[in-house]
Structures are given as C-alpha cells and as structure tokens.
Amino acid sequence: MADIPTNVAAYLRDVADHHQRATERIIGFDELVAGILNASTAQLSVQQNSDMRRISAMAALIAVPTVVAGVYGMNFEHMPELTCRYGYPAVLTVIAVVCTLIHRALRRNKWL
C-alpha cells in the first residue's frame, strides 16, 4: 500500500464506501420487492379461496334439484307421485324448501 498515493487511497476508500452504501440499498430494495410480492400473492390466494367457497356454495344449491331431476328422469313405472294429485307440486315445494334452507345456511356462514 506504500506505492499508492494518499489522495488516490482516500479516493478509493470513498469509492468503496459508496459501493457499500449502494449494495445495502439494493439489498433493501430487494427485500422490499420480495415483501410486496409475498403480500400480493397472499392477497390473491385469499381472493381465490373466497371465489372457490362461493362456487362450492352455488354447486351445493344446484345439487338438490339436479338429484331430484335425475330420479324423475329414470322413468320409473310406479312412483307414488304419479297417483297422488299433488305429487309433483309437493316435490317442487320440498326442493324449494331444501334449497332455501341451504341458501340460508350458506348466507349465515358467509359463503354467499
């Protein structure tokens, strides 16, 4: 180090100090960007979870009439509703009541 003039050594120390500060700022920015990315990913995950709950709730509401329609679509020869005058309206009423109960339960649990 004896061969380096004093003014050049002071200049090199100053450059090293600037380099160190720039490196620390870059590391800080990197951590900040990583934190923002993690927060954004977490927010997106929460939104997708909420969407999936809503889709599942709608599927539960649609499942009841679908099952009943599937049973009626089998064309059984002897169904109790065929001989009863109010058979089909009763079945439709039961479907409406069950769907309403499911809908209320989903609203109460904040799925809809």
Protein backbone atom coordinates (compact mmCIF):
# COMPACT_ATOMS: atom_id res chain seq x y z
CA MET A 1 0.00 0.00 0.00
CA ALA A 2 3.04 2.22 0.27
CA ASP A 3 3.11 2.65 -3.52
CA ILE A 4 -0.42 4.19 -3.66
CA PRO A 5 -0.50 7.96 -3.23
CA THR A 6 -2.55 9.29 -0.31
CA ASN A 7 -5.07 11.16 -2.43
CA VAL A 8 -5.73 8.02 -4.54
CA ALA A 9 -6.10 5.89 -1.38
CA ALA A 10 -8.62 8.39 0.01
CA TYR A 11 -10.48 8.34 -3.31
CA LEU A 12 -10.56 4.52 -3.32
CA ARG A 13 -11.88 4.48 0.28
CA ASP A 14 -14.61 6.91 -0.79
CA VAL A 15 -15.48 4.69 -3.78
CA ALA A 16 -15.58 1.62 -1.51
CA ASP A 17 -17.88 3.47 0.89
CA HIS A 18 -20.23 4.45 -1.98
CA HIS A 19 -20.17 0.87 -3.21
CA GLN A 20 -21.05 -0.43 0.25
CA ARG A 21 -23.98 2.02 0.60
CA ALA A 22 -25.28 1.20 -2.89
CA THR A 23 -25.08 -2.52 -2.12
CA GLU A 24 -27.03 -2.05 1.13
CA ARG A 25 -29.72 -0.01 -0.66
CA ILE A 26 -30.03 -2.66 -3.38
CA ILE A 27 -30.41 -5.38 -0.73
CA GLY A 28 -33.07 -3.24 1.00
CA PHE A 29 -34.95 -2.74 -2.27
CA ASP A 30 -34.72 -6.47 -2.98
CA GLU A 31 -36.24 -7.27 0.42
CA LEU A 32 -38.96 -4.65 -0.14
CA VAL A 33 -39.89 -6.07 -3.53
CA ALA A 34 -39.91 -9.61 -2.10
CA GLY A 35 -42.24 -8.46 0.72
CA ILE A 36 -44.58 -6.75 -1.74
CA LEU A 37 -44.63 -9.87 -3.91
CA ASN A 38 -45.43 -12.07 -0.90
CA ALA A 39 -48.23 -9.74 0.19
CA SER A 40 -49.67 -9.68 -3.32
CA THR A 41 -49.54 -13.47 -3.56
CA ALA A 42 -51.24 -13.82 -0.17
CA GLN A 43 -53.98 -11.39 -1.20
CA LEU A 44 -54.54 -13.29 -4.45
CA SER A 45 -54.71 -16.58 -2.54
CA VAL A 46 -57.35 -15.16 -0.17
CA GLN A 47 -59.41 -13.91 -3.13
CA GLN A 48 -59.19 -17.28 -4.89
CA ASN A 49 -60.22 -19.04 -1.68
CA SER A 50 -63.24 -16.76 -1.40
CA ASP A 51 -64.14 -17.44 -5.02
CA MET A 52 -63.87 -21.20 -4.51
CA ARG A 53 -66.14 -21.02 -1.46
CA ARG A 54 -68.72 -19.10 -3.49
CA ILE A 55 -68.51 -21.61 -6.36
CA SER A 56 -68.88 -24.51 -3.92
CA ALA A 57 -71.92 -22.86 -2.36
CA MET A 58 -73.56 -22.46 -5.75
CA ALA A 59 -72.81 -26.09 -6.58
CA ALA A 60 -74.47 -27.15 -3.32
CA LEU A 61 -77.59 -25.17 -4.22
CA ILE A 62 -77.73 -26.65 -7.71
CA ALA A 63 -77.13 -30.23 -6.48
CA VAL A 64 -80.54 -30.66 -4.79
CA PRO A 65 -82.75 -30.02 -7.84
CA THR A 66 -80.29 -31.93 -10.03
CA VAL A 67 -80.57 -35.06 -7.87
CA VAL A 68 -84.36 -34.89 -7.83
CA ALA A 69 -84.49 -34.32 -11.59
CA GLY A 70 -82.16 -37.29 -12.03
CA VAL A 71 -84.51 -39.52 -10.08
CA TYR A 72 -87.50 -38.35 -12.10
CA GLY A 73 -85.52 -38.80 -15.30
CA MET A 74 -85.24 -42.54 -14.63
CA ASN A 75 -88.88 -43.03 -15.68
CA PHE A 76 -89.92 -45.48 -13.01
CA GLU A 77 -93.13 -47.30 -13.70
CA HIS A 78 -94.54 -47.00 -10.18
CA MET A 79 -93.84 -43.71 -8.48
CA PRO A 80 -96.01 -42.55 -5.58
CA GLU A 81 -96.27 -39.06 -7.05
CA LEU A 82 -97.92 -40.36 -10.22
CA THR A 83 -101.08 -41.44 -8.40
CA CYS A 84 -101.18 -38.53 -5.97
CA ARG A 85 -102.85 -35.37 -7.26
CA TYR A 86 -100.38 -33.04 -5.56
CA GLY A 87 -97.30 -35.23 -6.00
CA TYR A 88 -95.30 -33.01 -8.34
CA PRO A 89 -96.18 -29.73 -6.61
CA ALA A 90 -95.22 -31.35 -3.29
CA VAL A 91 -91.86 -32.45 -4.70
CA LEU A 92 -91.24 -28.98 -6.15
CA THR A 93 -92.15 -27.46 -2.78
CA VAL A 94 -89.72 -29.77 -0.99
CA ILE A 95 -86.99 -28.81 -3.47
CA ALA A 96 -87.68 -25.11 -2.89
CA VAL A 97 -87.67 -25.53 0.89
CA VAL A 98 -84.42 -27.52 0.90
CA CYS A 99 -82.73 -25.02 -1.43
CA THR A 100 -83.93 -22.14 0.76
CA LEU A 101 -82.56 -23.83 3.88
CA ILE A 102 -79.22 -24.46 2.21
CA HIS A 103 -79.13 -20.88 0.96
CA ARG A 104 -79.82 -19.51 4.45
CA ALA A 105 -77.15 -21.74 5.98
CA LEU A 106 -74.63 -20.60 3.39
CA ARG A 107 -75.52 -16.93 3.99
CA ARG A 108 -75.24 -17.40 7.76
CA ASN A 109 -71.75 -18.87 7.33
CA LYS A 110 -70.88 -16.06 4.86
CA TRP A 111 -70.25 -18.39 1.93
CA LEU A 112 -72.54 -16.32 -0.28
